[in-house]
Amino acid sequence: MRTTLTLDRDVAETLKKEMRRTGRGLKAVINDALRRGLRIGGKPPRSPRFAVQPHAFGVKPGVDPDRMNQLVDELEAEERARTLRP
């Protein structure tokens, strides 16, 4: 369908920014925005699934990484006690 559309200045600027950002034309940007706004086509598009990338931290055997905060607290307490001694 071909039609004439008068846009408010702020909407036109936002469309121009989106066109620059995506590298897509005016027609595609407006159609996508209208589809999202009118919720045509059922559910909104699904975000890509988030996947956790494991990382080897190289913790030495015998060191429990879940108790690192406790170790930091103990070291800070020892340092504080050392500075308070006369």
N, C-alpha and C. Protein backbone atom coordinates (compact mmCIF):
# COMPACT_ATOMS: atom_id res chain seq x y z
N MET A 1 0.85 -1.17 0.00
CA MET A 1 0.00 0.00 0.00
C MET A 1 0.90 1.23 0.00
N ARG A 2 0.57 2.17 -0.79
CA ARG A 2 1.34 3.40 -0.89
C ARG A 2 0.53 4.51 -0.24
N THR A 3 1.19 5.30 0.63
CA THR A 3 0.49 6.38 1.33
C THR A 3 1.46 7.50 1.66
N THR A 4 0.92 8.66 1.97
CA THR A 4 1.73 9.79 2.40
C THR A 4 1.59 9.91 3.91
N LEU A 5 2.69 10.15 4.57
CA LEU A 5 2.71 10.21 6.02
C LEU A 5 3.47 11.46 6.46
N THR A 6 2.87 12.27 7.33
CA THR A 6 3.54 13.44 7.87
C THR A 6 4.04 13.09 9.27
N LEU A 7 5.35 13.23 9.47
CA LEU A 7 5.97 12.84 10.74
C LEU A 7 6.31 14.07 11.57
N ASP A 8 6.18 13.94 12.87
CA ASP A 8 6.66 14.97 13.77
C ASP A 8 8.19 15.01 13.68
N ARG A 9 8.77 16.15 14.01
CA ARG A 9 10.22 16.34 13.87
C ARG A 9 11.00 15.32 14.71
N ASP A 10 10.58 15.09 15.95
CA ASP A 10 11.32 14.15 16.81
C ASP A 10 11.25 12.72 16.27
N VAL A 11 10.10 12.35 15.70
CA VAL A 11 9.95 11.01 15.13
C VAL A 11 10.85 10.87 13.90
N ALA A 12 10.88 11.90 13.06
CA ALA A 12 11.73 11.86 11.87
C ALA A 12 13.21 11.74 12.25
N GLU A 13 13.64 12.46 13.28
CA GLU A 13 15.03 12.37 13.72
C GLU A 13 15.35 10.98 14.25
N THR A 14 14.42 10.41 15.01
CA THR A 14 14.62 9.06 15.54
C THR A 14 14.71 8.05 14.41
N LEU A 15 13.87 8.20 13.39
CA LEU A 15 13.93 7.31 12.24
C LEU A 15 15.26 7.43 11.51
N LYS A 16 15.75 8.64 11.34
CA LYS A 16 17.04 8.85 10.68
C LYS A 16 18.17 8.19 11.46
N LYS A 17 18.13 8.34 12.77
CA LYS A 17 19.17 7.71 13.61
C LYS A 17 19.12 6.19 13.48
N GLU A 18 17.91 5.64 13.48
CA GLU A 18 17.75 4.18 13.36
C GLU A 18 18.22 3.70 11.99
N MET A 19 17.95 4.48 10.96
CA MET A 19 18.41 4.12 9.61
C MET A 19 19.94 4.11 9.55
N ARG A 20 20.58 5.10 10.17
CA ARG A 20 22.05 5.14 10.20
C ARG A 20 22.61 3.98 11.02
N ARG A 21 21.96 3.73 12.15
CA ARG A 21 22.45 2.67 13.04
C ARG A 21 22.37 1.29 12.38
N THR A 22 21.26 1.01 11.72
CA THR A 22 21.04 -0.32 11.15
C THR A 22 21.47 -0.45 9.70
N GLY A 23 21.61 0.69 9.00
CA GLY A 23 21.96 0.63 7.59
C GLY A 23 20.78 0.20 6.72
N ARG A 24 19.58 0.29 7.25
CA ARG A 24 18.38 -0.11 6.51
C ARG A 24 17.65 1.13 6.01
N GLY A 25 16.76 0.91 5.05
CA GLY A 25 16.01 2.01 4.46
C GLY A 25 14.84 2.46 5.31
N LEU A 26 14.28 3.61 4.91
CA LEU A 26 13.16 4.20 5.64
C LEU A 26 11.96 3.26 5.70
N LYS A 27 11.63 2.64 4.58
CA LYS A 27 10.47 1.75 4.52
C LYS A 27 10.61 0.60 5.53
N ALA A 28 11.76 -0.04 5.56
CA ALA A 28 11.98 -1.18 6.46
C ALA A 28 11.92 -0.74 7.92
N VAL A 29 12.53 0.40 8.24
CA VAL A 29 12.55 0.88 9.62
C VAL A 29 11.13 1.23 10.08
N ILE A 30 10.38 1.92 9.23
CA ILE A 30 9.01 2.30 9.60
C ILE A 30 8.13 1.06 9.75
N ASN A 31 8.22 0.12 8.81
CA ASN A 31 7.40 -1.10 8.91
C ASN A 31 7.71 -1.88 10.17
N ASP A 32 8.98 -2.03 10.51
CA ASP A 32 9.35 -2.75 11.74
C ASP A 32 8.83 -2.03 12.99
N ALA A 33 8.96 -0.71 13.00
CA ALA A 33 8.49 0.06 14.16
C ALA A 33 6.97 -0.07 14.30
N LEU A 34 6.26 -0.01 13.19
CA LEU A 34 4.80 -0.16 13.24
C LEU A 34 4.40 -1.56 13.67
N ARG A 35 5.09 -2.58 13.18
CA ARG A 35 4.77 -3.96 13.61
C ARG A 35 4.96 -4.11 15.11
N ARG A 36 6.07 -3.59 15.62
CA ARG A 36 6.32 -3.69 17.07
C ARG A 36 5.28 -2.91 17.84
N GLY A 37 4.96 -1.73 17.37
CA GLY A 37 3.99 -0.89 18.08
C GLY A 37 2.58 -1.43 18.03
N LEU A 38 2.23 -2.06 16.93
CA LEU A 38 0.88 -2.60 16.79
C LEU A 38 0.79 -4.07 17.18
N ARG A 39 1.93 -4.68 17.50
CA ARG A 39 2.01 -6.08 17.90
C ARG A 39 1.43 -7.02 16.84
N ILE A 40 1.70 -6.71 15.57
CA ILE A 40 1.27 -7.57 14.48
C ILE A 40 2.26 -8.72 14.36
N GLY A 41 1.73 -9.90 14.14
CA GLY A 41 2.60 -11.06 13.95
C GLY A 41 2.78 -11.87 15.21
N GLY A 42 1.86 -11.74 16.16
CA GLY A 42 1.92 -12.58 17.35
C GLY A 42 2.89 -12.06 18.38
N LYS A 43 3.67 -12.97 18.93
CA LYS A 43 4.59 -12.64 20.01
C LYS A 43 5.73 -11.76 19.50
N PRO A 44 6.28 -10.93 20.39
CA PRO A 44 7.46 -10.15 19.98
C PRO A 44 8.63 -11.10 19.73
N PRO A 45 9.57 -10.70 18.89
CA PRO A 45 10.70 -11.59 18.60
C PRO A 45 11.47 -11.94 19.87
N ARG A 46 11.93 -13.16 19.91
CA ARG A 46 12.65 -13.65 21.08
C ARG A 46 14.10 -13.21 21.04
N SER A 47 14.61 -12.83 22.19
CA SER A 47 16.03 -12.47 22.29
C SER A 47 16.86 -13.73 22.13
N PRO A 48 18.08 -13.59 21.63
CA PRO A 48 18.93 -14.78 21.52
C PRO A 48 19.20 -15.37 22.90
N ARG A 49 19.30 -16.67 22.93
CA ARG A 49 19.52 -17.38 24.19
C ARG A 49 20.89 -17.00 24.76
N PHE A 50 20.91 -16.73 26.06
CA PHE A 50 22.15 -16.36 26.74
C PHE A 50 22.90 -17.63 27.13
N ALA A 51 24.15 -17.70 26.78
CA ALA A 51 24.96 -18.86 27.11
C ALA A 51 26.14 -18.41 27.96
N VAL A 52 26.38 -19.12 29.04
CA VAL A 52 27.50 -18.83 29.93
C VAL A 52 28.75 -19.48 29.35
N GLN A 53 29.80 -18.71 29.24
CA GLN A 53 31.07 -19.23 28.76
C GLN A 53 31.95 -19.53 29.97
N PRO A 54 32.21 -20.81 30.26
CA PRO A 54 33.03 -21.16 31.42
C PRO A 54 34.46 -20.67 31.25
N HIS A 55 35.10 -20.39 32.36
CA HIS A 55 36.47 -19.90 32.35
C HIS A 55 37.25 -20.59 33.46
N ALA A 56 38.41 -21.08 33.13
CA ALA A 56 39.27 -21.72 34.14
C ALA A 56 40.03 -20.62 34.87
N PHE A 57 39.80 -20.50 36.18
CA PHE A 57 40.44 -19.44 36.95
C PHE A 57 41.80 -19.86 37.50
N GLY A 58 42.12 -21.13 37.39
CA GLY A 58 43.42 -21.58 37.83
C GLY A 58 43.61 -21.53 39.33
N VAL A 59 42.53 -21.79 40.08
CA VAL A 59 42.61 -21.80 41.55
C VAL A 59 43.39 -23.03 41.98
N LYS A 60 44.30 -22.84 42.90
CA LYS A 60 45.15 -23.94 43.35
C LYS A 60 44.33 -24.96 44.14
N PRO A 61 44.74 -26.24 44.09
CA PRO A 61 44.04 -27.27 44.85
C PRO A 61 44.02 -26.93 46.34
N GLY A 62 42.91 -27.19 46.97
CA GLY A 62 42.76 -26.91 48.40
C GLY A 62 42.18 -25.54 48.68
N VAL A 63 42.08 -24.69 47.67
CA VAL A 63 41.49 -23.36 47.84
C VAL A 63 40.05 -23.43 47.36
N ASP A 64 39.13 -23.11 48.24
CA ASP A 64 37.71 -23.14 47.90
C ASP A 64 37.29 -21.76 47.40
N PRO A 65 37.00 -21.61 46.11
CA PRO A 65 36.65 -20.29 45.58
C PRO A 65 35.37 -19.72 46.19
N ASP A 66 34.52 -20.58 46.73
CA ASP A 66 33.29 -20.10 47.37
C ASP A 66 33.56 -19.44 48.71
N ARG A 67 34.77 -19.63 49.26
CA ARG A 67 35.09 -19.05 50.57
C ARG A 67 36.11 -17.92 50.46
N MET A 68 36.30 -17.39 49.25
CA MET A 68 37.28 -16.32 49.04
C MET A 68 36.93 -15.07 49.86
N ASN A 69 35.66 -14.72 49.92
CA ASN A 69 35.26 -13.54 50.70
C ASN A 69 35.59 -13.71 52.18
N GLN A 70 35.41 -14.93 52.67
CA GLN A 70 35.74 -15.19 54.07
C GLN A 70 37.24 -15.01 54.29
N LEU A 71 38.05 -15.47 53.34
CA LEU A 71 39.50 -15.31 53.45
C LEU A 71 39.88 -13.83 53.45
N VAL A 72 39.26 -13.05 52.57
CA VAL A 72 39.54 -11.61 52.52
C VAL A 72 39.17 -10.96 53.85
N ASP A 73 38.01 -11.32 54.40
CA ASP A 73 37.58 -10.77 55.70
C ASP A 73 38.59 -11.10 56.80
N GLU A 74 39.06 -12.35 56.81
CA GLU A 74 40.01 -12.75 57.83
C GLU A 74 41.33 -11.98 57.69
N LEU A 75 41.80 -11.81 56.46
CA LEU A 75 43.04 -11.07 56.24
C LEU A 75 42.89 -9.61 56.64
N GLU A 76 41.73 -9.02 56.33
CA GLU A 76 41.49 -7.62 56.74
C GLU A 76 41.42 -7.50 58.25
N ALA A 77 40.80 -8.46 58.91
CA ALA A 77 40.71 -8.43 60.37
C ALA A 77 42.10 -8.54 60.99
N GLU A 78 42.95 -9.41 60.43
CA GLU A 78 44.31 -9.55 60.94
C GLU A 78 45.10 -8.25 60.75
N GLU A 79 44.94 -7.63 59.60
CA GLU A 79 45.64 -6.37 59.33
C GLU A 79 45.16 -5.28 60.28
N ARG A 80 43.86 -5.21 60.50
CA ARG A 80 43.28 -4.21 61.41
C ARG A 80 43.81 -4.43 62.84
N ALA A 81 43.86 -5.71 63.28
CA ALA A 81 44.35 -6.02 64.62
C ALA A 81 45.82 -5.63 64.73
N ARG A 82 46.60 -5.83 63.69
CA ARG A 82 48.01 -5.48 63.70
C ARG A 82 48.20 -3.98 63.82
N THR A 83 47.36 -3.19 63.16
CA THR A 83 47.51 -1.74 63.22
C THR A 83 47.02 -1.17 64.55
N LEU A 84 46.14 -1.88 65.25
CA LEU A 84 45.60 -1.37 66.52
C LEU A 84 46.49 -1.74 67.70
N ARG A 85 47.43 -2.68 67.52
CA ARG A 85 48.31 -3.09 68.63
C ARG A 85 49.28 -1.95 68.96
N PRO A 86 49.52 -1.73 70.26
CA PRO A 86 50.47 -0.66 70.64
C PRO A 86 51.91 -1.04 70.42
